Amino acid sequence: MSDEEQWIPGSKSELMSAIEREWKSLMEVVGKLEQSGKLSMPDEGGWSPKDNLAHLAEWMNILMGCHMDKRPSHEVMGVGAEVTEGWDMERINPALFERNRNRSAADVLDELRRVYAELVEKLNVTAFDELLKPRRADDPEKRPLLLWVLGDTTEHFAEHRATLEKML
């Protein structure tokens, strides 16, 4: 999450529309990469489009399991507690990358679509007021859960779409 001014939807329908819009934009780029046969071609940093998509699926699962259901992060991610200690992305993201790097593009895409559908269903049955409550009771800033929803959906989809567009 950045400290810059962030767009906050005023309603559940606004939120869901924004998520769907970014998802569709992402999937358009994925379709082009599929057609060009580039889903498994790594970029200069070593990540292929399918690695980016596996990353998005992982973080949507983390959103649901950790942030929404309040389960322990290491259990949700299926890693040792030391990996998630302090939410250090320099430890978490490489662990998630290594777990997914040898999966097929088809497998990753199937999971991505399944996890997205699960998240949309979960958000649809969550009251907007619940998303406006602090994610954690002990958060001194009282940041709403909605910030993590946006961070792991619209913002994350847009970020990785831009990365994937460069690979076309």
N, C-alpha and C. Protein backbone atom coordinates (compact mmCIF):
# COMPACT_ATOMS: atom_id res chain seq x y z
N MET A 1 0.84 -1.19 0.00
CA MET A 1 0.00 0.00 0.00
C MET A 1 0.87 1.24 0.00
N SER A 2 0.54 2.15 -0.83
CA SER A 2 1.31 3.38 -0.86
C SER A 2 0.62 4.42 0.01
N ASP A 3 1.37 5.44 0.35
CA ASP A 3 0.82 6.51 1.18
C ASP A 3 0.16 7.58 0.33
N GLU A 4 0.23 7.43 -1.01
CA GLU A 4 -0.37 8.45 -1.86
C GLU A 4 -1.89 8.39 -1.75
N GLU A 5 -2.51 9.43 -2.30
CA GLU A 5 -3.96 9.48 -2.32
C GLU A 5 -4.47 8.29 -3.12
N GLN A 6 -5.43 7.58 -2.56
CA GLN A 6 -5.92 6.37 -3.18
C GLN A 6 -7.42 6.50 -3.46
N TRP A 7 -7.83 6.01 -4.63
CA TRP A 7 -9.24 6.01 -4.96
C TRP A 7 -9.96 5.01 -4.05
N ILE A 8 -11.07 5.45 -3.47
CA ILE A 8 -11.87 4.60 -2.61
C ILE A 8 -13.29 4.57 -3.17
N PRO A 9 -13.80 3.39 -3.50
CA PRO A 9 -15.17 3.32 -4.01
C PRO A 9 -16.17 3.72 -2.93
N GLY A 10 -17.28 4.30 -3.37
CA GLY A 10 -18.30 4.74 -2.43
C GLY A 10 -19.38 3.72 -2.17
N SER A 11 -19.33 2.60 -2.90
CA SER A 11 -20.36 1.58 -2.73
C SER A 11 -19.81 0.23 -3.18
N LYS A 12 -20.54 -0.83 -2.83
CA LYS A 12 -20.17 -2.18 -3.24
C LYS A 12 -20.22 -2.29 -4.76
N SER A 13 -21.24 -1.70 -5.39
CA SER A 13 -21.34 -1.82 -6.85
C SER A 13 -20.18 -1.10 -7.54
N GLU A 14 -19.75 0.03 -7.00
CA GLU A 14 -18.58 0.73 -7.55
C GLU A 14 -17.32 -0.12 -7.42
N LEU A 15 -17.17 -0.75 -6.25
CA LEU A 15 -16.02 -1.62 -6.01
C LEU A 15 -16.02 -2.79 -6.99
N MET A 16 -17.15 -3.48 -7.10
CA MET A 16 -17.22 -4.66 -7.94
C MET A 16 -17.03 -4.30 -9.42
N SER A 17 -17.56 -3.15 -9.82
CA SER A 17 -17.36 -2.70 -11.21
C SER A 17 -15.89 -2.43 -11.50
N ALA A 18 -15.21 -1.80 -10.56
CA ALA A 18 -13.78 -1.50 -10.74
C ALA A 18 -12.97 -2.80 -10.80
N ILE A 19 -13.28 -3.75 -9.94
CA ILE A 19 -12.57 -5.03 -9.94
C ILE A 19 -12.79 -5.74 -11.28
N GLU A 20 -14.04 -5.80 -11.72
CA GLU A 20 -14.35 -6.47 -12.98
C GLU A 20 -13.68 -5.79 -14.17
N ARG A 21 -13.66 -4.46 -14.17
CA ARG A 21 -13.04 -3.71 -15.26
C ARG A 21 -11.54 -4.03 -15.35
N GLU A 22 -10.84 -4.01 -14.21
CA GLU A 22 -9.40 -4.30 -14.21
C GLU A 22 -9.13 -5.77 -14.56
N TRP A 23 -10.01 -6.66 -14.09
CA TRP A 23 -9.86 -8.08 -14.41
C TRP A 23 -9.98 -8.29 -15.92
N LYS A 24 -11.00 -7.68 -16.53
CA LYS A 24 -11.20 -7.84 -17.97
C LYS A 24 -10.01 -7.28 -18.75
N SER A 25 -9.48 -6.15 -18.32
CA SER A 25 -8.30 -5.57 -18.99
C SER A 25 -7.11 -6.50 -18.88
N LEU A 26 -6.92 -7.07 -17.70
CA LEU A 26 -5.83 -8.03 -17.49
C LEU A 26 -6.02 -9.24 -18.40
N MET A 27 -7.23 -9.78 -18.43
CA MET A 27 -7.47 -11.00 -19.21
C MET A 27 -7.37 -10.76 -20.71
N GLU A 28 -7.61 -9.54 -21.17
CA GLU A 28 -7.39 -9.22 -22.59
C GLU A 28 -5.92 -9.37 -22.94
N VAL A 29 -5.06 -8.87 -22.07
CA VAL A 29 -3.61 -8.98 -22.29
C VAL A 29 -3.20 -10.45 -22.21
N VAL A 30 -3.76 -11.18 -21.25
CA VAL A 30 -3.45 -12.61 -21.11
C VAL A 30 -3.83 -13.35 -22.39
N GLY A 31 -4.98 -13.01 -22.95
CA GLY A 31 -5.42 -13.64 -24.20
C GLY A 31 -4.43 -13.41 -25.33
N LYS A 32 -3.91 -12.19 -25.43
CA LYS A 32 -2.92 -11.88 -26.47
C LYS A 32 -1.62 -12.66 -26.25
N LEU A 33 -1.24 -12.80 -24.98
CA LEU A 33 -0.02 -13.56 -24.68
C LEU A 33 -0.23 -15.04 -24.98
N GLU A 34 -1.41 -15.55 -24.71
CA GLU A 34 -1.73 -16.94 -25.04
C GLU A 34 -1.61 -17.16 -26.55
N GLN A 35 -2.22 -16.27 -27.31
CA GLN A 35 -2.21 -16.39 -28.77
C GLN A 35 -0.79 -16.33 -29.34
N SER A 36 0.05 -15.53 -28.71
CA SER A 36 1.42 -15.40 -29.21
C SER A 36 2.35 -16.48 -28.66
N GLY A 37 1.84 -17.32 -27.77
CA GLY A 37 2.65 -18.39 -27.20
C GLY A 37 3.71 -17.91 -26.22
N LYS A 38 3.48 -16.74 -25.63
CA LYS A 38 4.50 -16.15 -24.75
C LYS A 38 4.21 -16.29 -23.25
N LEU A 39 3.21 -17.08 -22.86
CA LEU A 39 2.84 -17.16 -21.45
C LEU A 39 3.95 -17.70 -20.55
N SER A 40 4.83 -18.51 -21.12
CA SER A 40 5.89 -19.11 -20.30
C SER A 40 7.27 -18.53 -20.57
N MET A 41 7.34 -17.45 -21.37
CA MET A 41 8.63 -16.84 -21.69
C MET A 41 9.03 -15.84 -20.60
N PRO A 42 10.13 -16.08 -19.90
CA PRO A 42 10.54 -15.15 -18.84
C PRO A 42 11.06 -13.82 -19.38
N ASP A 43 10.87 -12.78 -18.58
CA ASP A 43 11.42 -11.46 -18.92
C ASP A 43 12.84 -11.37 -18.37
N GLU A 44 13.42 -10.18 -18.47
CA GLU A 44 14.81 -10.01 -18.01
C GLU A 44 14.96 -10.27 -16.51
N GLY A 45 13.88 -10.14 -15.76
CA GLY A 45 13.92 -10.42 -14.32
C GLY A 45 13.68 -11.87 -13.97
N GLY A 46 13.39 -12.70 -15.00
CA GLY A 46 13.19 -14.12 -14.77
C GLY A 46 11.75 -14.55 -14.55
N TRP A 47 10.83 -13.58 -14.58
CA TRP A 47 9.41 -13.90 -14.38
C TRP A 47 8.72 -13.97 -15.74
N SER A 48 7.99 -15.04 -15.97
CA SER A 48 7.19 -15.17 -17.17
C SER A 48 5.79 -14.61 -16.88
N PRO A 49 4.99 -14.39 -17.93
CA PRO A 49 3.61 -13.97 -17.69
C PRO A 49 2.88 -14.92 -16.75
N LYS A 50 3.07 -16.23 -16.92
CA LYS A 50 2.36 -17.17 -16.05
C LYS A 50 2.85 -17.04 -14.60
N ASP A 51 4.10 -16.64 -14.39
CA ASP A 51 4.58 -16.40 -13.03
C ASP A 51 3.87 -15.20 -12.42
N ASN A 52 3.65 -14.18 -13.22
CA ASN A 52 2.91 -13.01 -12.76
C ASN A 52 1.47 -13.40 -12.40
N LEU A 53 0.88 -14.26 -13.20
CA LEU A 53 -0.51 -14.68 -12.96
C LEU A 53 -0.61 -15.58 -11.73
N ALA A 54 0.38 -16.46 -11.52
CA ALA A 54 0.40 -17.28 -10.31
C ALA A 54 0.52 -16.38 -9.08
N HIS A 55 1.32 -15.34 -9.19
CA HIS A 55 1.49 -14.35 -8.12
C HIS A 55 0.16 -13.69 -7.77
N LEU A 56 -0.59 -13.30 -8.79
CA LEU A 56 -1.90 -12.67 -8.56
C LEU A 56 -2.85 -13.64 -7.86
N ALA A 57 -2.86 -14.90 -8.28
CA ALA A 57 -3.72 -15.90 -7.64
C ALA A 57 -3.32 -16.08 -6.18
N GLU A 58 -2.02 -16.15 -5.91
CA GLU A 58 -1.54 -16.29 -4.53
C GLU A 58 -2.05 -15.14 -3.66
N TRP A 59 -1.94 -13.91 -4.18
CA TRP A 59 -2.32 -12.75 -3.38
C TRP A 59 -3.83 -12.61 -3.22
N MET A 60 -4.61 -13.09 -4.17
CA MET A 60 -6.06 -13.11 -3.96
C MET A 60 -6.41 -14.12 -2.87
N ASN A 61 -5.69 -15.25 -2.84
CA ASN A 61 -5.88 -16.23 -1.76
C ASN A 61 -5.49 -15.64 -0.41
N ILE A 62 -4.39 -14.90 -0.40
CA ILE A 62 -3.93 -14.27 0.84
C ILE A 62 -4.96 -13.24 1.31
N LEU A 63 -5.51 -12.47 0.38
CA LEU A 63 -6.56 -11.52 0.73
C LEU A 63 -7.71 -12.23 1.43
N MET A 64 -8.19 -13.31 0.83
CA MET A 64 -9.33 -14.03 1.41
C MET A 64 -8.97 -14.69 2.74
N GLY A 65 -7.85 -15.41 2.76
CA GLY A 65 -7.49 -16.18 3.95
C GLY A 65 -6.99 -15.35 5.12
N CYS A 66 -6.05 -14.46 4.85
CA CYS A 66 -5.44 -13.67 5.93
C CYS A 66 -6.25 -12.44 6.30
N HIS A 67 -6.56 -11.64 5.29
CA HIS A 67 -7.16 -10.33 5.57
C HIS A 67 -8.67 -10.42 5.83
N MET A 68 -9.36 -11.26 5.08
CA MET A 68 -10.81 -11.35 5.27
C MET A 68 -11.19 -12.38 6.34
N ASP A 69 -10.57 -13.56 6.30
CA ASP A 69 -10.91 -14.61 7.26
C ASP A 69 -10.04 -14.59 8.51
N LYS A 70 -9.00 -13.77 8.50
CA LYS A 70 -8.11 -13.58 9.65
C LYS A 70 -7.40 -14.86 10.11
N ARG A 71 -7.06 -15.71 9.14
CA ARG A 71 -6.29 -16.91 9.45
C ARG A 71 -4.81 -16.55 9.45
N PRO A 72 -3.98 -17.30 10.16
CA PRO A 72 -2.53 -17.01 10.19
C PRO A 72 -1.93 -17.03 8.77
N SER A 73 -1.11 -16.03 8.49
CA SER A 73 -0.56 -15.86 7.14
C SER A 73 0.24 -17.07 6.68
N HIS A 74 1.08 -17.64 7.54
CA HIS A 74 1.90 -18.77 7.10
C HIS A 74 1.04 -19.99 6.77
N GLU A 75 -0.09 -20.14 7.47
CA GLU A 75 -0.99 -21.27 7.15
C GLU A 75 -1.67 -21.04 5.81
N VAL A 76 -2.13 -19.82 5.57
CA VAL A 76 -2.80 -19.50 4.31
C VAL A 76 -1.84 -19.69 3.15
N MET A 77 -0.60 -19.25 3.32
CA MET A 77 0.39 -19.32 2.24
C MET A 77 1.03 -20.70 2.14
N GLY A 78 0.89 -21.52 3.17
CA GLY A 78 1.50 -22.83 3.15
C GLY A 78 3.01 -22.78 3.21
N VAL A 79 3.53 -21.85 4.03
CA VAL A 79 4.98 -21.69 4.20
C VAL A 79 5.29 -21.67 5.69
N GLY A 80 6.57 -21.72 6.04
CA GLY A 80 6.98 -21.62 7.43
C GLY A 80 6.68 -20.22 7.98
N ALA A 81 6.43 -20.15 9.27
CA ALA A 81 6.10 -18.87 9.91
C ALA A 81 7.19 -17.83 9.71
N GLU A 82 8.44 -18.27 9.59
CA GLU A 82 9.55 -17.33 9.40
C GLU A 82 9.44 -16.58 8.07
N VAL A 83 8.80 -17.19 7.08
CA VAL A 83 8.67 -16.55 5.77
C VAL A 83 7.74 -15.33 5.85
N THR A 84 6.69 -15.44 6.64
CA THR A 84 5.70 -14.36 6.69
C THR A 84 5.93 -13.38 7.83
N GLU A 85 6.90 -13.64 8.66
CA GLU A 85 7.19 -12.75 9.78
C GLU A 85 7.50 -11.35 9.28
N GLY A 86 6.76 -10.36 9.75
CA GLY A 86 6.98 -8.97 9.38
C GLY A 86 6.47 -8.61 7.99
N TRP A 87 5.80 -9.52 7.33
CA TRP A 87 5.27 -9.28 5.98
C TRP A 87 6.33 -8.71 5.04
N ASP A 88 7.52 -9.33 5.06
CA ASP A 88 8.63 -8.89 4.21
C ASP A 88 8.46 -9.48 2.81
N MET A 89 8.14 -8.62 1.84
CA MET A 89 7.89 -9.07 0.47
C MET A 89 9.13 -9.67 -0.17
N GLU A 90 10.32 -9.31 0.34
CA GLU A 90 11.57 -9.87 -0.19
C GLU A 90 11.74 -11.34 0.22
N ARG A 91 10.97 -11.78 1.20
CA ARG A 91 10.96 -13.20 1.59
C ARG A 91 9.73 -13.90 1.04
N ILE A 92 8.56 -13.24 1.13
CA ILE A 92 7.31 -13.87 0.74
C ILE A 92 7.24 -14.12 -0.77
N ASN A 93 7.43 -13.08 -1.57
CA ASN A 93 7.26 -13.23 -3.01
C ASN A 93 8.20 -14.27 -3.64
N PRO A 94 9.49 -14.31 -3.26
CA PRO A 94 10.34 -15.37 -3.82
C PRO A 94 9.87 -16.78 -3.43
N ALA A 95 9.37 -16.94 -2.20
CA ALA A 95 8.88 -18.26 -1.78
C ALA A 95 7.67 -18.67 -2.62
N LEU A 96 6.78 -17.72 -2.88
CA LEU A 96 5.61 -18.01 -3.70
C LEU A 96 6.02 -18.29 -5.15
N PHE A 97 6.99 -17.52 -5.64
CA PHE A 97 7.49 -17.72 -7.01
C PHE A 97 8.06 -19.12 -7.17
N GLU A 98 8.91 -19.53 -6.23
CA GLU A 98 9.55 -20.85 -6.32
C GLU A 98 8.51 -21.96 -6.31
N ARG A 99 7.47 -21.80 -5.52
CA ARG A 99 6.43 -22.82 -5.43
C ARG A 99 5.71 -22.98 -6.78
N ASN A 100 5.57 -21.89 -7.52
CA ASN A 100 4.76 -21.91 -8.74
C ASN A 100 5.54 -21.98 -10.05
N ARG A 101 6.83 -21.80 -10.01
CA ARG A 101 7.61 -21.60 -11.23
C ARG A 101 7.56 -22.77 -12.21
N ASN A 102 7.38 -23.98 -11.74
CA ASN A 102 7.39 -25.14 -12.65
C ASN A 102 6.00 -25.59 -13.06
N ARG A 103 4.98 -24.84 -12.69
CA ARG A 103 3.61 -25.19 -13.09
C ARG A 103 3.38 -24.81 -14.54
N SER A 104 2.47 -25.50 -15.17
CA SER A 104 2.14 -25.18 -16.56
C SER A 104 1.31 -23.90 -16.61
N ALA A 105 1.36 -23.23 -17.74
CA ALA A 105 0.56 -22.02 -17.93
C ALA A 105 -0.92 -22.35 -17.81
N ALA A 106 -1.34 -23.48 -18.36
CA ALA A 106 -2.76 -23.87 -18.30
C ALA A 106 -3.21 -24.07 -16.86
N ASP A 107 -2.37 -24.71 -16.06
CA ASP A 107 -2.69 -24.95 -14.65
C ASP A 107 -2.80 -23.62 -13.89
N VAL A 108 -1.87 -22.73 -14.14
CA VAL A 108 -1.87 -21.42 -13.47
C VAL A 108 -3.12 -20.63 -13.88
N LEU A 109 -3.44 -20.63 -15.17
CA LEU A 109 -4.62 -19.90 -15.63
C LEU A 109 -5.91 -20.47 -15.05
N ASP A 110 -6.00 -21.79 -14.97
CA ASP A 110 -7.18 -22.42 -14.37
C ASP A 110 -7.32 -21.98 -12.91
N GLU A 111 -6.21 -22.00 -12.18
CA GLU A 111 -6.28 -21.60 -10.78
C GLU A 111 -6.61 -20.11 -10.64
N LEU A 112 -6.00 -19.28 -11.48
CA LEU A 112 -6.26 -17.85 -11.43
C LEU A 112 -7.75 -17.57 -11.60
N ARG A 113 -8.35 -18.19 -12.59
CA ARG A 113 -9.78 -17.97 -12.84
C ARG A 113 -10.64 -18.50 -11.69
N ARG A 114 -10.27 -19.65 -11.14
CA ARG A 114 -11.01 -20.23 -10.01
C ARG A 114 -10.93 -19.33 -8.78
N VAL A 115 -9.73 -18.87 -8.47
CA VAL A 115 -9.53 -18.01 -7.30
C VAL A 115 -10.25 -16.68 -7.48
N TYR A 116 -10.19 -16.12 -8.67
CA TYR A 116 -10.89 -14.87 -8.94
C TYR A 116 -12.40 -15.05 -8.72
N ALA A 117 -12.96 -16.13 -9.25
CA ALA A 117 -14.40 -16.40 -9.07
C ALA A 117 -14.75 -16.56 -7.59
N GLU A 118 -13.89 -17.24 -6.86
CA GLU A 118 -14.09 -17.44 -5.42
C GLU A 118 -14.07 -16.10 -4.68
N LEU A 119 -13.12 -15.25 -5.05
CA LEU A 119 -13.01 -13.94 -4.41
C LEU A 119 -14.23 -13.08 -4.73
N VAL A 120 -14.66 -13.07 -5.98
CA VAL A 120 -15.83 -12.27 -6.36
C VAL A 120 -17.05 -12.74 -5.56
N GLU A 121 -17.20 -14.06 -5.45
CA GLU A 121 -18.32 -14.61 -4.67
C GLU A 121 -18.23 -14.17 -3.21
N LYS A 122 -17.03 -14.24 -2.65
CA LYS A 122 -16.82 -13.84 -1.25
C LYS A 122 -17.12 -12.35 -1.06
N LEU A 123 -16.66 -11.53 -1.98
CA LEU A 123 -16.93 -10.09 -1.88
C LEU A 123 -18.42 -9.79 -2.06
N ASN A 124 -19.08 -10.54 -2.94
CA ASN A 124 -20.51 -10.32 -3.16
C ASN A 124 -21.35 -10.57 -1.90
N VAL A 125 -20.90 -11.50 -1.06
CA VAL A 125 -21.67 -11.79 0.16
C VAL A 125 -21.15 -11.03 1.38
N THR A 126 -20.15 -10.20 1.18
CA THR A 126 -19.61 -9.37 2.28
C THR A 126 -20.23 -7.98 2.18
N ALA A 127 -20.81 -7.55 3.29
CA ALA A 127 -21.42 -6.21 3.31
C ALA A 127 -20.34 -5.15 3.12
N PHE A 128 -20.68 -4.10 2.37
CA PHE A 128 -19.73 -3.02 2.14
C PHE A 128 -19.27 -2.41 3.46
N ASP A 129 -20.17 -2.31 4.42
CA ASP A 129 -19.81 -1.78 5.75
C ASP A 129 -18.70 -2.60 6.41
N GLU A 130 -18.69 -3.92 6.16
CA GLU A 130 -17.63 -4.77 6.72
C GLU A 130 -16.28 -4.42 6.11
N LEU A 131 -16.29 -4.06 4.84
CA LEU A 131 -15.04 -3.71 4.15
C LEU A 131 -14.50 -2.36 4.62
N LEU A 132 -15.38 -1.55 5.20
CA LEU A 132 -14.97 -0.23 5.68
C LEU A 132 -14.42 -0.27 7.11
N LYS A 133 -14.58 -1.41 7.78
CA LYS A 133 -14.06 -1.56 9.14
C LYS A 133 -12.56 -1.80 9.08
N PRO A 134 -11.86 -1.44 10.18
CA PRO A 134 -10.41 -1.70 10.20
C PRO A 134 -10.11 -3.17 9.97
N ARG A 135 -9.08 -3.42 9.21
CA ARG A 135 -8.66 -4.80 8.91
C ARG A 135 -8.28 -5.53 10.18
N ARG A 136 -7.59 -4.85 11.05
CA ARG A 136 -7.17 -5.41 12.34
C ARG A 136 -7.56 -4.43 13.45
N ALA A 137 -8.09 -4.96 14.52
CA ALA A 137 -8.51 -4.13 15.64
C ALA A 137 -7.33 -3.37 16.25
N ASP A 138 -6.13 -3.96 16.19
CA ASP A 138 -4.96 -3.33 16.81
C ASP A 138 -4.21 -2.38 15.86
N ASP A 139 -4.77 -2.10 14.69
CA ASP A 139 -4.14 -1.18 13.73
C ASP A 139 -4.31 0.24 14.25
N PRO A 140 -3.21 0.92 14.63
CA PRO A 140 -3.32 2.28 15.16
C PRO A 140 -3.90 3.27 14.14
N GLU A 141 -3.72 2.96 12.83
CA GLU A 141 -4.25 3.85 11.79
C GLU A 141 -5.69 3.53 11.42
N LYS A 142 -6.21 2.40 11.94
CA LYS A 142 -7.60 1.98 11.67
C LYS A 142 -7.89 1.90 10.17
N ARG A 143 -6.91 1.39 9.39
CA ARG A 143 -7.08 1.28 7.94
C ARG A 143 -8.14 0.22 7.62
N PRO A 144 -9.06 0.58 6.72
CA PRO A 144 -10.13 -0.37 6.41
C PRO A 144 -9.66 -1.55 5.56
N LEU A 145 -10.33 -2.66 5.74
CA LEU A 145 -10.08 -3.86 4.95
C LEU A 145 -10.14 -3.54 3.46
N LEU A 146 -10.98 -2.61 3.09
CA LEU A 146 -11.15 -2.22 1.70
C LEU A 146 -9.82 -1.86 1.03
N LEU A 147 -8.88 -1.29 1.76
CA LEU A 147 -7.57 -0.95 1.18
C LEU A 147 -6.83 -2.19 0.71
N TRP A 148 -6.96 -3.29 1.46
CA TRP A 148 -6.31 -4.54 1.07
C TRP A 148 -7.07 -5.19 -0.09
N VAL A 149 -8.38 -5.04 -0.09
CA VAL A 149 -9.17 -5.55 -1.23
C VAL A 149 -8.71 -4.86 -2.51
N LEU A 150 -8.62 -3.55 -2.48
CA LEU A 150 -8.16 -2.80 -3.66
C LEU A 150 -6.72 -3.17 -4.01
N GLY A 151 -5.88 -3.28 -3.01
CA GLY A 151 -4.47 -3.58 -3.23
C GLY A 151 -4.24 -4.93 -3.88
N ASP A 152 -5.08 -5.91 -3.55
CA ASP A 152 -4.90 -7.26 -4.10
C ASP A 152 -5.83 -7.56 -5.27
N THR A 153 -6.58 -6.54 -5.71
CA THR A 153 -7.44 -6.72 -6.90
C THR A 153 -7.12 -5.62 -7.91
N THR A 154 -7.88 -4.54 -7.90
CA THR A 154 -7.75 -3.51 -8.95
C THR A 154 -6.32 -3.03 -9.12
N GLU A 155 -5.69 -2.66 -8.03
CA GLU A 155 -4.33 -2.11 -8.11
C GLU A 155 -3.32 -3.16 -8.57
N HIS A 156 -3.46 -4.38 -8.04
CA HIS A 156 -2.53 -5.45 -8.38
C HIS A 156 -2.74 -5.91 -9.82
N PHE A 157 -4.01 -5.99 -10.25
CA PHE A 157 -4.30 -6.37 -11.63
C PHE A 157 -3.68 -5.34 -12.59
N ALA A 158 -3.87 -4.07 -12.29
CA ALA A 158 -3.35 -3.00 -13.16
C ALA A 158 -1.82 -3.03 -13.21
N GLU A 159 -1.19 -3.24 -12.05
CA GLU A 159 0.27 -3.29 -11.98
C GLU A 159 0.82 -4.42 -12.85
N HIS A 160 0.23 -5.61 -12.71
CA HIS A 160 0.75 -6.76 -13.46
C HIS A 160 0.31 -6.72 -14.92
N ARG A 161 -0.81 -6.11 -15.22
CA ARG A 161 -1.22 -5.93 -16.63
C ARG A 161 -0.16 -5.09 -17.34
N ALA A 162 0.28 -4.02 -16.69
CA ALA A 162 1.31 -3.15 -17.29
C ALA A 162 2.60 -3.94 -17.53
N THR A 163 2.96 -4.78 -16.58
CA THR A 163 4.15 -5.64 -16.74
C THR A 163 3.97 -6.59 -17.92
N LEU A 164 2.80 -7.20 -17.99
CA LEU A 164 2.54 -8.18 -19.05
C LEU A 164 2.48 -7.52 -20.43
N GLU A 165 1.96 -6.31 -20.50
CA GLU A 165 1.88 -5.60 -21.79
C GLU A 165 3.26 -5.38 -22.39
N LYS A 166 4.25 -5.21 -21.52
CA LYS A 166 5.63 -5.01 -21.99
C LYS A 166 6.18 -6.30 -22.62
N MET A 167 5.58 -7.43 -22.29
CA MET A 167 6.06 -8.71 -22.80
C MET A 167 5.44 -9.07 -24.14
N LEU A 168 4.49 -8.30 -24.60
CA LEU A 168 3.81 -8.63 -25.86
C LEU A 168 4.71 -8.41 -27.07
